[in-house]
C-alpha atoms as a PDB file:
ATOM      1  CA  MET A   1      -1.954  24.515  31.466  1.00  0.00           C
ATOM      2  CA  SER A   2      -3.389  23.081  28.255  1.00  0.00           C
ATOM      3  CA  THR A   3      -6.314  20.668  28.413  1.00  0.00           C
ATOM      4  CA  ILE A   4      -4.269  17.702  27.154  1.00  0.00           C
ATOM      5  CA  LEU A   5      -1.572  18.209  29.805  1.00  0.00           C
ATOM      6  CA  GLU A   6      -4.209  18.663  32.493  1.00  0.00           C
ATOM      7  CA  CYS A   7      -5.825  15.367  31.472  1.00  0.00           C
ATOM      8  CA  ILE A   8      -2.506  13.494  31.318  1.00  0.00           C
ATOM      9  CA  ARG A   9      -1.730  14.707  34.856  1.00  0.00           C
ATOM     10  CA  THR A  10      -5.211  13.683  36.048  1.00  0.00           C
ATOM     11  CA  VAL A  11      -4.927  10.049  34.922  1.00  0.00           C
ATOM     12  CA  GLY A  12      -1.152   9.702  35.198  1.00  0.00           C
ATOM     13  CA  ARG A  13      -0.382  10.777  38.766  1.00  0.00           C
ATOM     14  CA  GLY A  14       0.733   8.280  41.397  1.00  0.00           C
ATOM     15  CA  GLU A  15      -1.570   5.574  42.638  1.00  0.00           C
ATOM     16  CA  ARG A  16      -3.195   7.776  45.295  1.00  0.00           C
ATOM     17  CA  GLY A  17      -3.458  10.910  43.185  1.00  0.00           C
ATOM     18  CA  ARG A  18      -4.688   9.648  39.836  1.00  0.00           C
ATOM     19  CA  LYS A  19      -8.350   9.548  38.864  1.00  0.00           C
ATOM     20  CA  PRO A  20     -10.368   9.043  35.673  1.00  0.00           C
ATOM     21  CA  LEU A  21     -11.475  11.893  33.463  1.00  0.00           C
ATOM     22  CA  THR A  22     -14.941  13.320  33.884  1.00  0.00           C
ATOM     23  CA  PHE A  23     -17.319  13.333  30.931  1.00  0.00           C
ATOM     24  CA  ASP A  24     -16.628  17.038  30.385  1.00  0.00           C
ATOM     25  CA  GLN A  25     -12.853  16.568  30.500  1.00  0.00           C
ATOM     26  CA  ALA A  26     -13.004  13.680  28.044  1.00  0.00           C
ATOM     27  CA  TYR A  27     -15.234  15.620  25.683  1.00  0.00           C
ATOM     28  CA  ARG A  28     -13.074  18.745  25.853  1.00  0.00           C
ATOM     29  CA  VAL A  29      -9.727  17.012  25.310  1.00  0.00           C
ATOM     30  CA  MET A  30     -10.991  14.942  22.365  1.00  0.00           C
ATOM     31  CA  ASP A  31     -12.751  17.956  20.859  1.00  0.00           C
ATOM     32  CA  GLU A  32      -9.519  19.962  21.044  1.00  0.00           C
ATOM     33  CA  TYR A  33      -7.469  17.081  19.624  1.00  0.00           C
ATOM     34  CA  LEU A  34      -9.828  16.732  16.660  1.00  0.00           C
ATOM     35  CA  ASP A  35      -9.429  20.470  16.074  1.00  0.00           C
ATOM     36  CA  GLY A  36      -5.631  20.089  15.995  1.00  0.00           C
ATOM     37  CA  HIS A  37      -4.817  21.559  19.416  1.00  0.00           C
ATOM     38  CA  ALA A  38      -2.883  18.494  20.650  1.00  0.00           C
ATOM     39  CA  ASP A  39      -0.430  16.259  18.827  1.00  0.00           C
ATOM     40  CA  ASP A  40      -0.666  12.516  18.242  1.00  0.00           C
ATOM     41  CA  ASP A  41       1.964  11.567  20.806  1.00  0.00           C
ATOM     42  CA  GLN A  42       0.191  13.512  23.539  1.00  0.00           C
ATOM     43  CA  MET A  43      -3.176  11.947  22.768  1.00  0.00           C
ATOM     44  CA  ALA A  44      -1.642   8.492  22.439  1.00  0.00           C
ATOM     45  CA  MET A  45      -0.019   8.894  25.858  1.00  0.00           C
ATOM     46  CA  LEU A  46      -3.345   9.906  27.393  1.00  0.00           C
ATOM     47  CA  LEU A  47      -5.198   6.981  25.830  1.00  0.00           C
ATOM     48  CA  MET A  48      -2.538   4.484  26.930  1.00  0.00           C
ATOM     49  CA  LEU A  49      -2.765   5.728  30.517  1.00  0.00           C
ATOM     50  CA  ILE A  50      -6.549   5.439  30.418  1.00  0.00           C
ATOM     51  CA  ARG A  51      -6.360   1.943  28.941  1.00  0.00           C
ATOM     52  CA  VAL A  52      -3.996   0.697  31.661  1.00  0.00           C
ATOM     53  CA  GLN A  53      -6.487   1.828  34.317  1.00  0.00           C
ATOM     54  CA  ASN A  54      -9.529   0.562  32.332  1.00  0.00           C
ATOM     55  CA  GLU A  55     -11.637   3.179  30.604  1.00  0.00           C
ATOM     56  CA  THR A  56     -14.800   4.398  32.331  1.00  0.00           C
ATOM     57  CA  LYS A  57     -18.202   4.994  30.814  1.00  0.00           C
ATOM     58  CA  GLN A  58     -17.797   8.755  31.348  1.00  0.00           C
ATOM     59  CA  GLU A  59     -14.469   8.816  29.482  1.00  0.00           C
ATOM     60  CA  ILE A  60     -15.752   6.811  26.509  1.00  0.00           C
ATOM     61  CA  ALA A  61     -19.006   8.772  26.343  1.00  0.00           C
ATOM     62  CA  GLY A  62     -17.120  12.078  26.362  1.00  0.00           C
ATOM     63  CA  PHE A  63     -14.860  10.920  23.534  1.00  0.00           C
ATOM     64  CA  VAL A  64     -17.849   9.651  21.539  1.00  0.00           C
ATOM     65  CA  LYS A  65     -19.723  12.914  21.971  1.00  0.00           C
ATOM     66  CA  ALA A  66     -16.772  14.852  20.561  1.00  0.00           C
ATOM     67  CA  PHE A  67     -16.671  12.643  17.476  1.00  0.00           C
ATOM     68  CA  GLN A  68     -20.437  12.665  17.003  1.00  0.00           C
ATOM     69  CA  SER A  69     -20.442  16.418  16.486  1.00  0.00           C
ATOM     70  CA  ARG A  70     -18.378  15.715  13.369  1.00  0.00           C
ATOM     71  CA  VAL A  71     -19.906  12.532  11.938  1.00  0.00           C
ATOM     72  CA  PRO A  72     -22.933  12.509   9.614  1.00  0.00           C
ATOM     73  CA  ASN A  73     -26.511  11.569  10.395  1.00  0.00           C
ATOM     74  CA  LEU A  74     -27.599   9.428   7.462  1.00  0.00           C
ATOM     75  CA  GLY A  75     -31.118   8.428   8.429  1.00  0.00           C
ATOM     76  CA  ALA A  76     -30.498   4.749   9.224  1.00  0.00           C
ATOM     77  CA  ASP A  77     -32.781   2.589  11.359  1.00  0.00           C
ATOM     78  CA  ILE A  78     -30.125   0.147  12.617  1.00  0.00           C
ATOM     79  CA  ASP A  79     -26.533   0.944  13.558  1.00  0.00           C
ATOM     80  CA  TRP A  80     -24.265  -2.085  12.955  1.00  0.00           C
ATOM     81  CA  PRO A  81     -20.543  -1.737  13.814  1.00  0.00           C
ATOM     82  CA  CYS A  82     -18.160  -4.285  12.235  1.00  0.00           C
ATOM     83  CA  TYR A  83     -14.731  -3.773  13.774  1.00  0.00           C
ATOM     84  CA  ALA A  84     -13.481  -7.046  15.264  1.00  0.00           C
ATOM     85  CA  GLY A  85     -13.759  -9.522  12.409  1.00  0.00           C
ATOM     86  CA  LYS A  86     -14.212 -13.221  13.173  1.00  0.00           C
ATOM     87  CA  ARG A  87     -11.560 -15.780  13.999  1.00  0.00           C
ATOM     88  CA  LYS A  88     -11.357 -18.424  11.306  1.00  0.00           C
ATOM     89  CA  ASN A  89     -12.396 -21.209  13.670  1.00  0.00           C
ATOM     90  CA  ALA A  90     -15.614 -19.316  14.506  1.00  0.00           C
ATOM     91  CA  GLY A  91     -17.061 -19.425  11.000  1.00  0.00           C
ATOM     92  CA  GLU A  92     -17.686 -16.757   8.418  1.00  0.00           C
ATOM     93  CA  PRO A  93     -19.255 -13.383   9.350  1.00  0.00           C
ATOM     94  CA  TRP A  94     -22.807 -14.759   9.393  1.00  0.00           C
ATOM     95  CA  HIS A  95     -24.055 -11.598  11.108  1.00  0.00           C
ATOM     96  CA  LEU A  96     -23.892  -9.888   7.713  1.00  0.00           C
ATOM     97  CA  LEU A  97     -26.690 -12.149   6.488  1.00  0.00           C
ATOM     98  CA  ALA A  98     -28.717 -11.151   9.542  1.00  0.00           C
ATOM     99  CA  ALA A  99     -28.198  -7.499   8.615  1.00  0.00           C
ATOM    100  CA  LYS A 100     -29.165  -8.155   4.981  1.00  0.00           C
ATOM    101  CA  ILE A 101     -32.335  -9.997   5.971  1.00  0.00           C
ATOM    102  CA  LEU A 102     -33.361  -7.092   8.209  1.00  0.00           C
ATOM    103  CA  ALA A 103     -32.702  -4.684   5.339  1.00  0.00           C
ATOM    104  CA  ASP A 104     -34.849  -6.815   3.019  1.00  0.00           C
ATOM    105  CA  ALA A 105     -37.579  -6.631   5.679  1.00  0.00           C
ATOM    106  CA  GLY A 106     -37.646  -2.842   5.386  1.00  0.00           C
ATOM    107  CA  TYR A 107     -35.065  -1.599   7.908  1.00  0.00           C
ATOM    108  CA  LYS A 108     -32.334   0.788   6.795  1.00  0.00           C
ATOM    109  CA  VAL A 109     -29.134  -0.823   8.059  1.00  0.00           C
ATOM    110  CA  LEU A 110     -25.819   1.009   8.142  1.00  0.00           C
ATOM    111  CA  LEU A 111     -22.775  -1.207   8.608  1.00  0.00           C
ATOM    112  CA  HIS A 112     -19.541   0.588   9.467  1.00  0.00           C
ATOM    113  CA  GLY A 113     -16.104  -0.681  10.329  1.00  0.00           C
ATOM    114  CA  TYR A 114     -12.363  -0.870  10.056  1.00  0.00           C
ATOM    115  CA  HIS A 115     -10.552  -3.769   8.393  1.00  0.00           C
ATOM    116  CA  ASP A 116      -7.418  -4.710  10.324  1.00  0.00           C
ATOM    117  CA  ARG A 117      -5.936  -6.903   7.588  1.00  0.00           C
ATOM    118  CA  PRO A 118      -2.815  -7.987   9.526  1.00  0.00           C
ATOM    119  CA  ALA A 119      -5.124  -9.584  12.116  1.00  0.00           C
ATOM    120  CA  GLY A 120      -6.015 -12.295   9.594  1.00  0.00           C
ATOM    121  CA  ARG A 121      -9.702 -12.526  10.499  1.00  0.00           C
ATOM    122  CA  PHE A 122     -12.812 -12.943   8.367  1.00  0.00           C
ATOM    123  CA  HIS A 123     -14.039  -9.372   8.030  1.00  0.00           C
ATOM    124  CA  ALA A 124     -17.250  -7.855   6.721  1.00  0.00           C
ATOM    125  CA  GLU A 125     -15.523  -6.010   3.877  1.00  0.00           C
ATOM    126  CA  ASP A 126     -14.395  -9.292   2.322  1.00  0.00           C
ATOM    127  CA  TYR A 127     -17.971 -10.618   2.016  1.00  0.00           C
ATOM    128  CA  LEU A 128     -19.974  -7.585   0.896  1.00  0.00           C
ATOM    129  CA  THR A 129     -20.101  -8.554  -2.767  1.00  0.00           C
ATOM    130  CA  SER A 130     -21.394 -12.064  -2.116  1.00  0.00           C
ATOM    131  CA  LEU A 131     -24.308 -10.615  -0.127  1.00  0.00           C
ATOM    132  CA  GLY A 132     -25.072  -7.804  -2.553  1.00  0.00           C
ATOM    133  CA  ILE A 133     -24.076  -5.105  -0.053  1.00  0.00           C
ATOM    134  CA  ASP A 134     -22.405  -2.029  -1.524  1.00  0.00           C
ATOM    135  CA  LEU A 135     -19.330  -0.399  -0.029  1.00  0.00           C
ATOM    136  CA  ALA A 136     -19.960   3.351   0.191  1.00  0.00           C
ATOM    137  CA  ASP A 137     -17.161   5.696  -0.845  1.00  0.00           C
ATOM    138  CA  SER A 138     -18.562   8.659   1.110  1.00  0.00           C
ATOM    139  CA  PRO A 139     -21.290   9.492   3.618  1.00  0.00           C
ATOM    140  CA  ASP A 140     -23.434  10.911   0.824  1.00  0.00           C
ATOM    141  CA  HIS A 141     -23.045   7.665  -1.117  1.00  0.00           C
ATOM    142  CA  ALA A 142     -24.029   5.692   2.009  1.00  0.00           C
ATOM    143  CA  LYS A 143     -27.135   7.829   2.422  1.00  0.00           C
ATOM    144  CA  LEU A 144     -28.135   7.189  -1.193  1.00  0.00           C
ATOM    145  CA  LEU A 145     -27.608   3.441  -0.752  1.00  0.00           C
ATOM    146  CA  LEU A 146     -29.747   3.421   2.385  1.00  0.00           C
ATOM    147  CA  GLU A 147     -32.533   5.180   0.518  1.00  0.00           C
ATOM    148  CA  THR A 148     -32.361   2.937  -2.553  1.00  0.00           C
ATOM    149  CA  LYS A 149     -31.172  -0.447  -1.249  1.00  0.00           C
ATOM    150  CA  GLY A 150     -31.776  -0.286   2.489  1.00  0.00           C
ATOM    151  CA  ILE A 151     -28.230  -1.277   3.453  1.00  0.00           C
ATOM    152  CA  ALA A 152     -24.666  -0.031   3.030  1.00  0.00           C
ATOM    153  CA  TYR A 153     -21.178  -0.487   4.469  1.00  0.00           C
ATOM    154  CA  LEU A 154     -19.339   2.744   5.290  1.00  0.00           C
ATOM    155  CA  PRO A 155     -15.617   2.432   6.148  1.00  0.00           C
ATOM    156  CA  LEU A 156     -14.415   4.320   9.214  1.00  0.00           C
ATOM    157  CA  SER A 157     -11.977   6.235   7.008  1.00  0.00           C
ATOM    158  CA  GLN A 158     -14.907   7.835   5.176  1.00  0.00           C
ATOM    159  CA  PHE A 159     -16.615   9.390   8.189  1.00  0.00           C
ATOM    160  CA  ALA A 160     -14.019   9.564  10.998  1.00  0.00           C
ATOM    161  CA  PRO A 161     -10.516   9.375   9.465  1.00  0.00           C
ATOM    162  CA  GLN A 162      -8.844  10.566  12.662  1.00  0.00           C
ATOM    163  CA  ALA A 163     -10.359   7.626  14.513  1.00  0.00           C
ATOM    164  CA  GLU A 164      -8.883   5.255  11.927  1.00  0.00           C
ATOM    165  CA  THR A 165      -5.465   6.825  12.515  1.00  0.00           C
ATOM    166  CA  MET A 166      -5.895   6.333  16.249  1.00  0.00           C
ATOM    167  CA  ILE A 167      -6.820   2.654  15.861  1.00  0.00           C
ATOM    168  CA  GLY A 168      -3.585   2.263  13.915  1.00  0.00           C
ATOM    169  CA  TRP A 169      -1.612   3.377  16.958  1.00  0.00           C
ATOM    170  CA  LYS A 170      -1.839  -0.208  18.219  1.00  0.00           C
ATOM    171  CA  ASN A 171       0.749  -1.173  15.598  1.00  0.00           C
ATOM    172  CA  ARG A 172       2.928   1.806  16.507  1.00  0.00           C
ATOM    173  CA  TYR A 173       2.805   1.572  20.285  1.00  0.00           C
ATOM    174  CA  GLY A 174       1.938  -2.105  20.765  1.00  0.00           C
ATOM    175  CA  LEU A 175      -1.155  -1.504  22.885  1.00  0.00           C
ATOM    176  CA  ARG A 176      -4.852  -1.314  22.124  1.00  0.00           C
ATOM    177  CA  THR A 177      -6.419   2.005  23.140  1.00  0.00           C
ATOM    178  CA  PRO A 178      -9.972   2.965  24.218  1.00  0.00           C
ATOM    179  CA  ILE A 179     -10.625   4.208  20.683  1.00  0.00           C
ATOM    180  CA  ASN A 180     -11.635   0.638  19.762  1.00  0.00           C
ATOM    181  CA  THR A 181     -14.539   1.042  22.170  1.00  0.00           C
ATOM    182  CA  VAL A 182     -15.299   4.567  20.964  1.00  0.00           C
ATOM    183  CA  VAL A 183     -15.725   3.733  17.275  1.00  0.00           C
ATOM    184  CA  ARG A 184     -18.436   1.161  17.954  1.00  0.00           C
ATOM    185  CA  ALA A 185     -20.630   3.906  19.422  1.00  0.00           C
ATOM    186  CA  LEU A 186     -20.192   6.601  16.765  1.00  0.00           C
ATOM    187  CA  ASN A 187     -23.517   5.752  15.051  1.00  0.00           C
ATOM    188  CA  PRO A 188     -22.861   7.635  11.789  1.00  0.00           C
ATOM    189  CA  GLY A 189     -26.281   6.622  10.526  1.00  0.00           C
ATOM    190  CA  GLY A 190     -28.096   8.385  13.349  1.00  0.00           C
ATOM    191  CA  ALA A 191     -29.972   5.125  13.913  1.00  0.00           C
ATOM    192  CA  LYS A 192     -32.516   4.553  16.675  1.00  0.00           C
ATOM    193  CA  ILE A 193     -31.489   0.898  17.147  1.00  0.00           C
ATOM    194  CA  GLY A 194     -27.933  -0.275  17.754  1.00  0.00           C
ATOM    195  CA  ILE A 195     -26.179  -3.622  18.173  1.00  0.00           C
ATOM    196  CA  ARG A 196     -22.889  -3.999  20.072  1.00  0.00           C
ATOM    197  CA  GLY A 197     -20.828  -7.165  20.247  1.00  0.00           C
ATOM    198  CA  SER A 198     -17.652  -7.260  22.339  1.00  0.00           C
ATOM    199  CA  PHE A 199     -15.275  -9.931  23.600  1.00  0.00           C
ATOM    200  CA  HIS A 200     -13.707  -9.010  26.935  1.00  0.00           C
ATOM    201  CA  PRO A 201     -15.729  -9.394  30.172  1.00  0.00           C
ATOM    202  CA  GLY A 202     -17.222  -6.148  31.421  1.00  0.00           C
ATOM    203  CA  PHE A 203     -17.317  -4.440  28.042  1.00  0.00           C
ATOM    204  CA  GLN A 204     -20.862  -5.642  27.355  1.00  0.00           C
ATOM    205  CA  GLN A 205     -22.126  -3.552  30.267  1.00  0.00           C
ATOM    206  CA  LEU A 206     -19.750  -0.707  29.405  1.00  0.00           C
ATOM    207  CA  HIS A 207     -21.071  -0.392  25.853  1.00  0.00           C
ATOM    208  CA  ALA A 208     -24.648  -0.146  27.121  1.00  0.00           C
ATOM    209  CA  GLU A 209     -23.767   2.361  29.833  1.00  0.00           C
ATOM    210  CA  VAL A 210     -21.863   4.547  27.364  1.00  0.00           C
ATOM    211  CA  GLU A 211     -25.061   4.974  25.350  1.00  0.00           C
ATOM    212  CA  SER A 212     -26.884   6.025  28.505  1.00  0.00           C
ATOM    213  CA  GLU A 213     -24.132   8.493  29.426  1.00  0.00           C
ATOM    214  CA  ILE A 214     -24.255  10.124  25.993  1.00  0.00           C
ATOM    215  CA  GLY A 215     -27.888  10.879  26.718  1.00  0.00           C
ATOM    216  CA  LEU A 216     -29.609  10.281  23.375  1.00  0.00           C
ATOM    217  CA  THR A 217     -33.365  10.587  23.774  1.00  0.00           C
ATOM    218  CA  SER A 218     -34.487   8.077  21.128  1.00  0.00           C
ATOM    219  CA  HIS A 219     -31.784   5.439  20.919  1.00  0.00           C
ATOM    220  CA  ALA A 220     -31.891   1.809  22.071  1.00  0.00           C
ATOM    221  CA  VAL A 221     -28.800  -0.408  22.044  1.00  0.00           C
ATOM    222  CA  VAL A 222     -28.407  -4.101  22.832  1.00  0.00           C
ATOM    223  CA  SER A 223     -24.948  -5.201  23.967  1.00  0.00           C
ATOM    224  CA  PHE A 224     -23.633  -8.752  24.386  1.00  0.00           C
ATOM    225  CA  LYS A 225     -20.573 -10.996  24.182  1.00  0.00           C
ATOM    226  CA  GLY A 226     -20.207 -11.416  20.425  1.00  0.00           C
ATOM    227  CA  GLN A 227     -18.482 -14.095  18.415  1.00  0.00           C
ATOM    228  CA  SER A 228     -14.781 -13.100  18.353  1.00  0.00           C
ATOM    229  CA  GLY A 229     -15.914  -9.700  19.625  1.00  0.00           C
ATOM    230  CA  GLU A 230     -18.000  -9.066  16.506  1.00  0.00           C
ATOM    231  CA  SER A 231     -21.652  -7.918  16.380  1.00  0.00           C
ATOM    232  CA  GLU A 232     -22.796 -11.526  16.084  1.00  0.00           C
ATOM    233  CA  TYR A 233     -24.754 -13.390  18.765  1.00  0.00           C
ATOM    234  CA  ASN A 234     -23.591 -16.879  19.757  1.00  0.00           C
ATOM    235  CA  PRO A 235     -26.702 -19.073  20.251  1.00  0.00           C
ATOM    236  CA  LYS A 236     -24.696 -21.829  21.965  1.00  0.00           C
ATOM    237  CA  VAL A 237     -24.042 -19.845  25.155  1.00  0.00           C
ATOM    238  CA  SER A 238     -26.109 -18.479  28.006  1.00  0.00           C
ATOM    239  CA  GLN A 239     -25.208 -14.927  28.912  1.00  0.00           C
ATOM    240  CA  THR A 240     -26.315 -11.621  30.339  1.00  0.00           C
ATOM    241  CA  ILE A 241     -27.152  -9.090  27.665  1.00  0.00           C
ATOM    242  CA  TRP A 242     -27.519  -5.384  28.314  1.00  0.00           C
ATOM    243  CA  LEU A 243     -30.173  -3.084  26.931  1.00  0.00           C
ATOM    244  CA  SER A 244     -29.742   0.678  26.971  1.00  0.00           C
ATOM    245  CA  THR A 245     -32.819   2.807  26.335  1.00  0.00           C
ATOM    246  CA  PRO A 246     -33.647   6.461  27.043  1.00  0.00           C
ATOM    247  CA  THR A 247     -35.000   5.317  30.430  1.00  0.00           C
ATOM    248  CA  GLY A 248     -31.772   3.627  31.532  1.00  0.00           C
ATOM    249  CA  VAL A 249     -29.757   0.394  31.338  1.00  0.00           C
ATOM    250  CA  GLU A 250     -31.190  -3.047  32.061  1.00  0.00           C
ATOM    251  CA  SER A 251     -29.628  -6.511  32.212  1.00  0.00           C
ATOM    252  CA  HIS A 252     -31.391  -9.609  30.865  1.00  0.00           C
ATOM    253  CA  TYR A 253     -30.261 -13.218  31.140  1.00  0.00           C
ATOM    254  CA  TRP A 254     -30.666 -15.215  27.951  1.00  0.00           C
ATOM    255  CA  THR A 255     -30.262 -18.981  27.965  1.00  0.00           C
ATOM    256  CA  GLU A 256     -28.830 -21.019  25.104  1.00  0.00           C
ATOM    257  CA  ARG A 257     -31.152 -21.148  22.083  1.00  0.00           C
ATOM    258  CA  MET A 258     -29.889 -23.777  19.638  1.00  0.00           C
ATOM    259  CA  LEU A 259     -32.624 -25.318  17.493  1.00  0.00           C
ATOM    260  CA  THR A 260     -31.979 -28.716  15.923  1.00  0.00           C
ATOM    261  CA  ASP A 261     -34.964 -28.395  13.601  1.00  0.00           C
ATOM    262  CA  ILE A 262     -34.334 -25.131  11.750  1.00  0.00           C
ATOM    263  CA  PRO A 263     -34.536 -24.349   8.024  1.00  0.00           C
ATOM    264  CA  THR A 264     -31.322 -23.958   6.058  1.00  0.00           C
ATOM    265  CA  PRO A 265     -30.943 -22.335   2.636  1.00  0.00           C
ATOM    266  CA  ALA A 266     -30.493 -24.436  -0.488  1.00  0.00           C
ATOM    267  CA  SER A 267     -27.140 -22.708  -0.995  1.00  0.00           C
ATOM    268  CA  CYS A 268     -25.117 -20.620   1.430  1.00  0.00           C
ATOM    269  CA  VAL A 269     -23.794 -17.241   0.266  1.00  0.00           C
ATOM    270  CA  PHE A 270     -20.703 -17.792   2.441  1.00  0.00           C
ATOM    271  CA  GLY A 271     -19.962 -21.261   1.128  1.00  0.00           C
ATOM    272  CA  THR A 272     -20.386 -22.599   4.666  1.00  0.00           C
ATOM    273  CA  ASP A 273     -19.711 -26.323   5.005  1.00  0.00           C
ATOM    274  CA  ASP A 274     -22.824 -28.483   5.390  1.00  0.00           C
ATOM    275  CA  SER A 275     -21.681 -29.569   8.843  1.00  0.00           C
ATOM    276  CA  ASN A 276     -21.830 -25.939   9.976  1.00  0.00           C
ATOM    277  CA  LEU A 277     -25.136 -24.894   8.408  1.00  0.00           C
ATOM    278  CA  ASN A 278     -27.167 -25.493  11.566  1.00  0.00           C
ATOM    279  CA  MET A 279     -24.812 -23.266  13.518  1.00  0.00           C
ATOM    280  CA  MET A 280     -25.028 -20.619  10.808  1.00  0.00           C
ATOM    281  CA  ALA A 281     -28.831 -20.712  10.792  1.00  0.00           C
ATOM    282  CA  ASN A 282     -29.082 -20.455  14.575  1.00  0.00           C
ATOM    283  CA  THR A 283     -26.515 -17.652  14.638  1.00  0.00           C
ATOM    284  CA  VAL A 284     -28.409 -15.591  12.070  1.00  0.00           C
ATOM    285  CA  VAL A 285     -31.713 -16.062  13.905  1.00  0.00           C
ATOM    286  CA  ALA A 286     -30.170 -15.195  17.284  1.00  0.00           C
ATOM    287  CA  THR A 287     -28.446 -12.109  15.876  1.00  0.00           C
ATOM    288  CA  ILE A 288     -31.660 -10.866  14.271  1.00  0.00           C
ATOM    289  CA  ALA A 289     -33.497 -11.526  17.535  1.00  0.00           C
ATOM    290  CA  ALA A 290     -30.939  -9.606  19.575  1.00  0.00           C
ATOM    291  CA  THR A 291     -31.274  -6.657  17.209  1.00  0.00           C
ATOM    292  CA  LEU A 292     -35.067  -6.696  17.302  1.00  0.00           C
ATOM    293  CA  PHE A 293     -34.949  -6.966  21.092  1.00  0.00           C
ATOM    294  CA  ALA A 294     -33.592  -3.416  21.162  1.00  0.00           C
ATOM    295  CA  GLU A 295     -36.790  -2.334  19.430  1.00  0.00           C
ATOM    296  CA  LEU A 296     -39.345  -4.657  21.050  1.00  0.00           C
ATOM    297  CA  ASN A 297     -37.925  -5.227  24.558  1.00  0.00           C
ATOM    298  CA  ASP A 298     -39.567  -8.674  24.407  1.00  0.00           C
ATOM    299  CA  PRO A 299     -37.178 -11.607  23.829  1.00  0.00           C
ATOM    300  CA  ASP A 300     -39.858 -14.151  22.885  1.00  0.00           C
ATOM    301  CA  LYS A 301     -41.424 -11.811  20.336  1.00  0.00           C
ATOM    302  CA  ALA A 302     -37.986 -10.905  19.011  1.00  0.00           C
ATOM    303  CA  PHE A 303     -37.085 -14.577  18.462  1.00  0.00           C
ATOM    304  CA  GLU A 304     -40.473 -15.314  16.939  1.00  0.00           C
ATOM    305  CA  ASN A 305     -40.068 -12.494  14.420  1.00  0.00           C
ATOM    306  CA  ALA A 306     -36.447 -13.463  13.736  1.00  0.00           C
ATOM    307  CA  TYR A 307     -37.367 -17.102  13.064  1.00  0.00           C
ATOM    308  CA  GLN A 308     -40.110 -16.011  10.672  1.00  0.00           C
ATOM    309  CA  LEU A 309     -37.743 -13.722   8.753  1.00  0.00           C
ATOM    310  CA  TRP A 310     -35.208 -16.558   8.501  1.00  0.00           C
ATOM    311  CA  SER A 311     -37.863 -19.039   7.336  1.00  0.00           C
ATOM    312  CA  ASN A 312     -38.974 -16.612   4.645  1.00  0.00           C
ATOM    313  CA  TYR A 313     -35.344 -16.230   3.525  1.00  0.00           C
ATOM    314  CA  CYS A 314     -34.892 -19.996   3.240  1.00  0.00           C
ATOM    315  CA  ALA A 315     -38.186 -20.617   1.457  1.00  0.00           C
END
């Protein structure tokens, strides 16, 4: 029996017989699919069955590992996925300014994402020009931009085109698949720091545990409930955030951190309304702090450094 049929039988049996894929099964079936040994309908069926039962950390990690053997390593410091986009009532994608400020501070930041235009959200790709962030047309171009400008946006189609096709299956089959979780962890920049925002409960822990399952020896990822599911921290809420390091996964409870007395820029690159500038400023600071927390593992120091970077930007 072929691997794909074996895996479909494993997850698709009756209630008492079915079970999730192991890491090795997930890796093998995705590896074979990417090599052309299974067709789209078979893989779509497998992913739908997995999604209905809720994907496990072993399944996602196995899928990610198969992709990572095919994606580039571009020498980034910070891995910044941009896949959800922001709902219009949640403000513009302010997290991009956080990424740009970190790049200006000397970090090499690789943004990567997929723009689901029919969703009608504010997406990173639509704001790159206003922030002076270049859209890379290839992995080599992204690497050059990281070396010369410290930041770049690399579309999913340029480093994992099969994953982009799989995301598009939502429009064909009417159901989101686990690939939306997979793409956030691909880390095409080979970065040592990662940020993961997600919307649905439970996925914050899942994203952190996936990194631990993959078993990278020098990679730290912070995972939290992001604005509209984007990699943007909401300073108005208290929540548990998850930190994955080579030593394991930890949970940390962060309380609301909304400052009333916070600098704002003389002009906003997003054209944010004056009534929303305080929220924008706090969001940028909190997002920078969450990112630095993955490096420092000290929330107070992370916020202190983030506030200083923001103050310098506004000066």
